[in-house]
PDB file of N, CA and C in Angstrom:
ATOM      1  N   MET A   1     -28.995  22.368   4.789  1.00  0.00           N
ATOM      2  CA  MET A   1     -27.947  21.463   5.089  1.00  0.00           C
ATOM      3  C   MET A   1     -27.627  20.534   3.769  1.00  0.00           C
ATOM      4  N   LEU A   2     -26.394  20.626   3.185  1.00  0.00           N
ATOM      5  CA  LEU A   2     -26.036  19.725   2.131  1.00  0.00           C
ATOM      6  C   LEU A   2     -25.420  18.595   2.886  1.00  0.00           C
ATOM      7  N   ILE A   3     -25.199  17.317   2.283  1.00  0.00           N
ATOM      8  CA  ILE A   3     -24.560  16.017   2.910  1.00  0.00           C
ATOM      9  C   ILE A   3     -23.717  15.295   1.601  1.00  0.00           C
ATOM     10  N   SER A   4     -22.554  15.306   1.717  1.00  0.00           N
ATOM     11  CA  SER A   4     -21.865  14.466   1.099  1.00  0.00           C
ATOM     12  C   SER A   4     -21.389  13.096   1.500  1.00  0.00           C
ATOM     13  N   GLN A   5     -21.426  12.164   0.835  1.00  0.00           N
ATOM     14  CA  GLN A   5     -21.358  10.711   1.322  1.00  0.00           C
ATOM     15  C   GLN A   5     -19.941  10.231   0.857  1.00  0.00           C
ATOM     16  N   ILE A   6     -19.127   9.878   1.756  1.00  0.00           N
ATOM     17  CA  ILE A   6     -17.798   9.441   1.795  1.00  0.00           C
ATOM     18  C   ILE A   6     -17.768   8.006   2.132  1.00  0.00           C
ATOM     19  N   LYS A   7     -17.304   7.190   1.113  1.00  0.00           N
ATOM     20  CA  LYS A   7     -17.223   6.135   1.367  1.00  0.00           C
ATOM     21  C   LYS A   7     -15.539   5.414   1.537  1.00  0.00           C
ATOM     22  N   VAL A   8     -15.292   4.707   2.588  1.00  0.00           N
ATOM     23  CA  VAL A   8     -13.558   4.459   2.966  1.00  0.00           C
ATOM     24  C   VAL A   8     -13.592   2.959   2.971  1.00  0.00           C
ATOM     25  N   TYR A   9     -12.591   2.482   2.393  1.00  0.00           N
ATOM     26  CA  TYR A   9     -12.287   1.076   1.948  1.00  0.00           C
ATOM     27  C   TYR A   9     -10.771   0.807   2.346  1.00  0.00           C
ATOM     28  N   LYS A  10     -10.458  -0.195   2.637  1.00  0.00           N
ATOM     29  CA  LYS A  10      -9.014  -0.655   2.810  1.00  0.00           C
ATOM     30  C   LYS A  10      -9.017  -2.371   2.531  1.00  0.00           C
ATOM     31  N   ASN A  11      -8.123  -2.666   1.573  1.00  0.00           N
ATOM     32  CA  ASN A  11      -8.191  -4.125   1.001  1.00  0.00           C
ATOM     33  C   ASN A  11      -9.620  -4.493   0.357  1.00  0.00           C
ATOM     34  N   ASN A  12     -10.331  -3.554  -0.289  1.00  0.00           N
ATOM     35  CA  ASN A  12     -11.822  -3.603  -0.938  1.00  0.00           C
ATOM     36  C   ASN A  12     -12.653  -3.988   0.529  1.00  0.00           C
ATOM     37  N   LYS A  13     -12.516  -3.530   1.678  1.00  0.00           N
ATOM     38  CA  LYS A  13     -13.388  -3.890   2.843  1.00  0.00           C
ATOM     39  C   LYS A  13     -13.771  -2.587   3.302  1.00  0.00           C
ATOM     40  N   PRO A  14     -15.261  -2.135   3.724  1.00  0.00           N
ATOM     41  CA  PRO A  14     -15.512  -0.972   3.992  1.00  0.00           C
ATOM     42  C   PRO A  14     -14.915  -0.849   5.581  1.00  0.00           C
ATOM     43  N   LEU A  15     -14.422   0.265   6.008  1.00  0.00           N
ATOM     44  CA  LEU A  15     -13.892   0.661   7.488  1.00  0.00           C
ATOM     45  C   LEU A  15     -14.985   1.408   8.140  1.00  0.00           C
ATOM     46  N   LYS A  16     -15.033   0.522   9.116  1.00  0.00           N
ATOM     47  CA  LYS A  16     -15.914   1.064  10.114  1.00  0.00           C
ATOM     48  C   LYS A  16     -15.283   2.228  11.056  1.00  0.00           C
ATOM     49  N   GLY A  17     -16.094   3.112  11.619  1.00  0.00           N
ATOM     50  CA  GLY A  17     -15.200   4.062  12.717  1.00  0.00           C
ATOM     51  C   GLY A  17     -14.144   4.923  12.489  1.00  0.00           C
ATOM     52  N   VAL A  18     -14.078   5.281  10.914  1.00  0.00           N
ATOM     53  CA  VAL A  18     -13.011   6.114  10.403  1.00  0.00           C
ATOM     54  C   VAL A  18     -13.471   7.461  10.494  1.00  0.00           C
ATOM     55  N   SER A  19     -12.568   8.544  11.124  1.00  0.00           N
ATOM     56  CA  SER A  19     -12.758   9.713  11.142  1.00  0.00           C
ATOM     57  C   SER A  19     -12.680  10.459   9.486  1.00  0.00           C
ATOM     58  N   VAL A  20     -13.897  11.164   9.548  1.00  0.00           N
ATOM     59  CA  VAL A  20     -13.911  12.104   7.967  1.00  0.00           C
ATOM     60  C   VAL A  20     -14.291  13.396   8.051  1.00  0.00           C
ATOM     61  N   SER A  21     -13.624  14.385   7.310  1.00  0.00           N
ATOM     62  CA  SER A  21     -14.143  15.750   7.375  1.00  0.00           C
ATOM     63  C   SER A  21     -13.551  16.398   6.197  1.00  0.00           C
ATOM     64  N   LEU A  22     -14.167  17.489   6.031  1.00  0.00           N
ATOM     65  CA  LEU A  22     -14.031  18.136   4.659  1.00  0.00           C
ATOM     66  C   LEU A  22     -13.148  19.623   5.001  1.00  0.00           C
ATOM     67  N   GLU A  23     -12.532  20.212   4.201  1.00  0.00           N
ATOM     68  CA  GLU A  23     -11.797  21.476   4.448  1.00  0.00           C
ATOM     69  C   GLU A  23     -12.461  22.238   3.145  1.00  0.00           C
ATOM     70  N   PHE A  24     -13.035  23.321   3.293  1.00  0.00           N
ATOM     71  CA  PHE A  24     -13.395  24.399   2.162  1.00  0.00           C
ATOM     72  C   PHE A  24     -12.241  25.394   2.292  1.00  0.00           C
ATOM     73  N   THR A  25     -11.686  25.739   0.937  1.00  0.00           N
ATOM     74  CA  THR A  25     -10.486  26.451   1.103  1.00  0.00           C
ATOM     75  C   THR A  25     -10.959  27.634   0.045  1.00  0.00           C
ATOM     76  N   GLY A  26     -12.343  27.851  -0.332  1.00  0.00           N
ATOM     77  CA  GLY A  26     -12.523  28.746  -1.340  1.00  0.00           C
ATOM     78  C   GLY A  26     -12.464  30.362  -0.683  1.00  0.00           C
ATOM     79  N   PHE A  27     -12.574  31.187  -1.622  1.00  0.00           N
ATOM     80  CA  PHE A  27     -12.526  32.785  -1.322  1.00  0.00           C
ATOM     81  C   PHE A  27     -13.537  33.006  -0.082  1.00  0.00           C
ATOM     82  N   THR A  28     -14.513  32.762  -0.275  1.00  0.00           N
ATOM     83  CA  THR A  28     -15.942  33.276   0.433  1.00  0.00           C
ATOM     84  C   THR A  28     -16.368  31.879   1.467  1.00  0.00           C
ATOM     85  N   GLN A  29     -15.676  30.893   1.300  1.00  0.00           N
ATOM     86  CA  GLN A  29     -16.021  29.450   2.247  1.00  0.00           C
ATOM     87  C   GLN A  29     -14.746  28.956   2.409  1.00  0.00           C
ATOM     88  N   MET A  30     -14.403  29.115   3.791  1.00  0.00           N
ATOM     89  CA  MET A  30     -13.154  28.414   4.245  1.00  0.00           C
ATOM     90  C   MET A  30     -13.493  27.787   5.737  1.00  0.00           C
ATOM     91  N   GLY A  31     -12.855  26.838   5.924  1.00  0.00           N
ATOM     92  CA  GLY A  31     -12.808  26.012   7.091  1.00  0.00           C
ATOM     93  C   GLY A  31     -13.200  24.738   7.044  1.00  0.00           C
ATOM     94  N   PHE A  32     -13.195  23.895   8.212  1.00  0.00           N
ATOM     95  CA  PHE A  32     -13.342  22.432   8.002  1.00  0.00           C
ATOM     96  C   PHE A  32     -15.004  22.201   8.772  1.00  0.00           C
ATOM     97  N   THR A  33     -15.450  21.056   8.287  1.00  0.00           N
ATOM     98  CA  THR A  33     -16.706  20.524   8.824  1.00  0.00           C
ATOM     99  C   THR A  33     -16.149  19.803  10.193  1.00  0.00           C
ATOM    100  N   LYS A  34     -17.230  19.599  11.011  1.00  0.00           N
ATOM    101  CA  LYS A  34     -16.634  18.571  12.266  1.00  0.00           C
ATOM    102  C   LYS A  34     -16.630  17.503  11.716  1.00  0.00           C
ATOM    103  N   ARG A  35     -15.947  16.323  12.538  1.00  0.00           N
ATOM    104  CA  ARG A  35     -15.735  14.897  12.053  1.00  0.00           C
ATOM    105  C   ARG A  35     -16.944  14.036  12.164  1.00  0.00           C
ATOM    106  N   PHE A  36     -16.955  13.337  11.212  1.00  0.00           N
ATOM    107  CA  PHE A  36     -18.348  12.377  11.210  1.00  0.00           C
ATOM    108  C   PHE A  36     -17.383  11.024  11.105  1.00  0.00           C
ATOM    109  N   LEU A  37     -17.930   9.739  11.574  1.00  0.00           N
ATOM    110  CA  LEU A  37     -17.433   8.510  11.543  1.00  0.00           C
ATOM    111  C   LEU A  37     -18.109   7.751  10.558  1.00  0.00           C
ATOM    112  N   THR A  38     -17.338   6.717   9.896  1.00  0.00           N
ATOM    113  CA  THR A  38     -18.121   5.811   9.125  1.00  0.00           C
ATOM    114  C   THR A  38     -18.645   4.648   9.694  1.00  0.00           C
ATOM    115  N   ASN A  39     -19.924   4.386   9.114  1.00  0.00           N
ATOM    116  CA  ASN A  39     -20.909   3.342   9.670  1.00  0.00           C
ATOM    117  C   ASN A  39     -20.395   1.917   9.439  1.00  0.00           C
ATOM    118  N   ASN A  40     -21.088   0.886   9.712  1.00  0.00           N
ATOM    119  CA  ASN A  40     -20.728  -0.454   9.260  1.00  0.00           C
ATOM    120  C   ASN A  40     -20.300  -0.699   7.815  1.00  0.00           C
ATOM    121  N   GLU A  41     -20.729   0.010   7.132  1.00  0.00           N
ATOM    122  CA  GLU A  41     -20.794  -0.118   5.529  1.00  0.00           C
ATOM    123  C   GLU A  41     -19.533   0.893   5.134  1.00  0.00           C
ATOM    124  N   GLY A  42     -18.963   1.491   6.119  1.00  0.00           N
ATOM    125  CA  GLY A  42     -17.779   1.883   5.388  1.00  0.00           C
ATOM    126  C   GLY A  42     -18.111   3.807   4.977  1.00  0.00           C
ATOM    127  N   ILE A  43     -19.284   4.321   5.256  1.00  0.00           N
ATOM    128  CA  ILE A  43     -19.947   5.487   4.705  1.00  0.00           C
ATOM    129  C   ILE A  43     -19.917   6.445   6.016  1.00  0.00           C
ATOM    130  N   ALA A  44     -19.446   7.794   5.596  1.00  0.00           N
ATOM    131  CA  ALA A  44     -19.802   8.683   6.481  1.00  0.00           C
ATOM    132  C   ALA A  44     -20.668   9.836   5.756  1.00  0.00           C
ATOM    133  N   TYR A  45     -21.571  10.379   6.236  1.00  0.00           N
ATOM    134  CA  TYR A  45     -22.425  11.229   5.822  1.00  0.00           C
ATOM    135  C   TYR A  45     -22.005  12.631   6.325  1.00  0.00           C
ATOM    136  N   VAL A  46     -21.241  13.300   5.590  1.00  0.00           N
ATOM    137  CA  VAL A  46     -20.477  14.472   5.985  1.00  0.00           C
ATOM    138  C   VAL A  46     -21.582  15.640   5.911  1.00  0.00           C
ATOM    139  N   GLU A  47     -21.928  16.439   6.705  1.00  0.00           N
ATOM    140  CA  GLU A  47     -22.813  17.457   6.649  1.00  0.00           C
ATOM    141  C   GLU A  47     -22.010  18.868   6.704  1.00  0.00           C
ATOM    142  N   HIS A  48     -22.512  19.754   5.741  1.00  0.00           N
ATOM    143  CA  HIS A  48     -21.960  21.061   5.304  1.00  0.00           C
ATOM    144  C   HIS A  48     -22.933  22.060   4.801  1.00  0.00           C
ATOM    145  N   SER A  49     -22.423  23.252   4.799  1.00  0.00           N
ATOM    146  CA  SER A  49     -23.271  24.347   4.374  1.00  0.00           C
ATOM    147  C   SER A  49     -22.868  24.752   2.960  1.00  0.00           C
ATOM    148  N   SER A  50     -21.575  24.629   2.754  1.00  0.00           N
ATOM    149  CA  SER A  50     -21.053  25.046   1.386  1.00  0.00           C
ATOM    150  C   SER A  50     -21.076  24.250   0.133  1.00  0.00           C
ATOM    151  N   ARG A  51     -20.765  24.811  -0.950  1.00  0.00           N
ATOM    152  CA  ARG A  51     -20.812  23.960  -2.090  1.00  0.00           C
ATOM    153  C   ARG A  51     -19.546  24.196  -2.884  1.00  0.00           C
ATOM    154  N   GLY A  52     -18.723  23.355  -3.525  1.00  0.00           N
ATOM    155  CA  GLY A  52     -17.680  23.624  -4.092  1.00  0.00           C
ATOM    156  C   GLY A  52     -16.615  22.655  -3.692  1.00  0.00           C
ATOM    157  N   ARG A  53     -15.467  22.962  -4.222  1.00  0.00           N
ATOM    158  CA  ARG A  53     -14.370  22.263  -4.040  1.00  0.00           C
ATOM    159  C   ARG A  53     -13.796  21.883  -2.554  1.00  0.00           C
ATOM    160  N   ALA A  54     -13.667  20.929  -1.983  1.00  0.00           N
ATOM    161  CA  ALA A  54     -13.249  20.569  -0.742  1.00  0.00           C
ATOM    162  C   ALA A  54     -12.106  19.558  -0.598  1.00  0.00           C
ATOM    163  N   ASN A  55     -11.111  19.490   0.493  1.00  0.00           N
ATOM    164  CA  ASN A  55     -10.253  18.581   0.687  1.00  0.00           C
ATOM    165  C   ASN A  55     -10.900  17.572   1.505  1.00  0.00           C
ATOM    166  N   VAL A  56     -10.510  16.176   1.423  1.00  0.00           N
ATOM    167  CA  VAL A  56     -11.213  15.300   2.173  1.00  0.00           C
ATOM    168  C   VAL A  56     -10.072  14.696   3.057  1.00  0.00           C
ATOM    169  N   TYR A  57     -10.514  14.930   4.413  1.00  0.00           N
ATOM    170  CA  TYR A  57      -9.413  14.282   5.525  1.00  0.00           C
ATOM    171  C   TYR A  57     -10.125  12.977   6.046  1.00  0.00           C
ATOM    172  N   ILE A  58      -9.386  12.060   5.826  1.00  0.00           N
ATOM    173  CA  ILE A  58      -9.407  10.659   6.714  1.00  0.00           C
ATOM    174  C   ILE A  58      -8.747  10.366   7.843  1.00  0.00           C
ATOM    175  N   ASN A  59      -9.168  10.270   8.839  1.00  0.00           N
ATOM    176  CA  ASN A  59      -8.037  10.302  10.024  1.00  0.00           C
ATOM    177  C   ASN A  59      -7.111  11.078  10.321  1.00  0.00           C
ATOM    178  N   GLY A  60      -7.512  12.315  10.049  1.00  0.00           N
ATOM    179  CA  GLY A  60      -6.415  13.650  10.047  1.00  0.00           C
ATOM    180  C   GLY A  60      -5.593  13.571   8.606  1.00  0.00           C
ATOM    181  N   SER A  61      -5.787  12.823   7.617  1.00  0.00           N
ATOM    182  CA  SER A  61      -4.729  12.969   6.868  1.00  0.00           C
ATOM    183  C   SER A  61      -5.487  13.454   5.559  1.00  0.00           C
ATOM    184  N   ASN A  62      -4.956  14.122   4.584  1.00  0.00           N
ATOM    185  CA  ASN A  62      -5.559  14.845   3.328  1.00  0.00           C
ATOM    186  C   ASN A  62      -5.483  13.665   2.163  1.00  0.00           C
ATOM    187  N   VAL A  63      -6.542  13.134   1.890  1.00  0.00           N
ATOM    188  CA  VAL A  63      -6.617  12.033   0.905  1.00  0.00           C
ATOM    189  C   VAL A  63      -7.049  12.628  -0.474  1.00  0.00           C
ATOM    190  N   GLY A  64      -7.323  13.664  -0.703  1.00  0.00           N
ATOM    191  CA  GLY A  64      -7.791  14.209  -2.065  1.00  0.00           C
ATOM    192  C   GLY A  64      -8.873  15.200  -1.801  1.00  0.00           C
ATOM    193  N   SER A  65      -9.492  15.519  -3.052  1.00  0.00           N
ATOM    194  CA  SER A  65     -10.329  16.536  -3.081  1.00  0.00           C
ATOM    195  C   SER A  65     -11.579  16.181  -3.697  1.00  0.00           C
ATOM    196  N   ILE A  66     -12.802  16.758  -3.538  1.00  0.00           N
ATOM    197  CA  ILE A  66     -14.134  16.551  -4.342  1.00  0.00           C
ATOM    198  C   ILE A  66     -14.562  17.926  -4.472  1.00  0.00           C
ATOM    199  N   TYR A  67     -15.616  17.587  -5.315  1.00  0.00           N
ATOM    200  CA  TYR A  67     -16.674  18.777  -5.544  1.00  0.00           C
ATOM    201  C   TYR A  67     -17.854  18.761  -5.149  1.00  0.00           C
ATOM    202  N   THR A  68     -18.141  19.295  -3.967  1.00  0.00           N
ATOM    203  CA  THR A  68     -19.223  19.184  -3.104  1.00  0.00           C
ATOM    204  C   THR A  68     -20.696  19.837  -3.387  1.00  0.00           C
ATOM    205  N   PRO A  69     -21.727  18.937  -3.390  1.00  0.00           N
ATOM    206  CA  PRO A  69     -21.941  18.025  -2.471  1.00  0.00           C
ATOM    207  C   PRO A  69     -21.344  16.772  -3.453  1.00  0.00           C
ATOM    208  N   ALA A  70     -21.325  15.771  -2.789  1.00  0.00           N
ATOM    209  CA  ALA A  70     -20.755  14.526  -3.628  1.00  0.00           C
ATOM    210  C   ALA A  70     -21.060  13.412  -2.923  1.00  0.00           C
ATOM    211  N   GLU A  71     -20.641  12.059  -4.004  1.00  0.00           N
ATOM    212  CA  GLU A  71     -20.642  10.701  -3.261  1.00  0.00           C
ATOM    213  C   GLU A  71     -19.389  10.149  -3.930  1.00  0.00           C
ATOM    214  N   GLU A  72     -18.481   9.908  -3.032  1.00  0.00           N
ATOM    215  CA  GLU A  72     -17.130   9.696  -3.567  1.00  0.00           C
ATOM    216  C   GLU A  72     -16.696   8.344  -2.537  1.00  0.00           C
ATOM    217  N   SER A  73     -15.643   7.779  -3.223  1.00  0.00           N
ATOM    218  CA  SER A  73     -15.184   6.353  -2.401  1.00  0.00           C
ATOM    219  C   SER A  73     -13.673   6.691  -2.300  1.00  0.00           C
ATOM    220  N   PHE A  74     -13.029   6.164  -1.224  1.00  0.00           N
ATOM    221  CA  PHE A  74     -11.569   6.351  -1.205  1.00  0.00           C
ATOM    222  C   PHE A  74     -10.995   5.029  -0.701  1.00  0.00           C
ATOM    223  N   TYR A  75      -9.748   4.754  -1.188  1.00  0.00           N
ATOM    224  CA  TYR A  75      -9.375   3.460  -0.991  1.00  0.00           C
ATOM    225  C   TYR A  75      -7.997   3.731  -0.218  1.00  0.00           C
ATOM    226  N   LEU A  76      -7.664   3.404   1.118  1.00  0.00           N
ATOM    227  CA  LEU A  76      -6.769   3.392   1.774  1.00  0.00           C
ATOM    228  C   LEU A  76      -5.639   2.353   1.505  1.00  0.00           C
ATOM    229  N   VAL A  77      -4.623   2.621   1.542  1.00  0.00           N
ATOM    230  CA  VAL A  77      -3.433   1.379   1.425  1.00  0.00           C
ATOM    231  C   VAL A  77      -3.104   1.204   2.872  1.00  0.00           C
TER     232      VAL A  77
END
């Protein structure tokens, strides 16, 4: 099992309880991970079995993409 660490911030403060999931859209790897919630530090540890490009969804909205496994931060407006 692979893990990507997604950090979520708003106004430069970590957000707790935010839903995070990844969507893999490659030819041989398609679909969503389950949803993971951010902890007190604004970090969600998203478990997945695929490697490669994935779209990042925070609270159901596509906020960008990463190359997994990864450690990435997202700043919400």
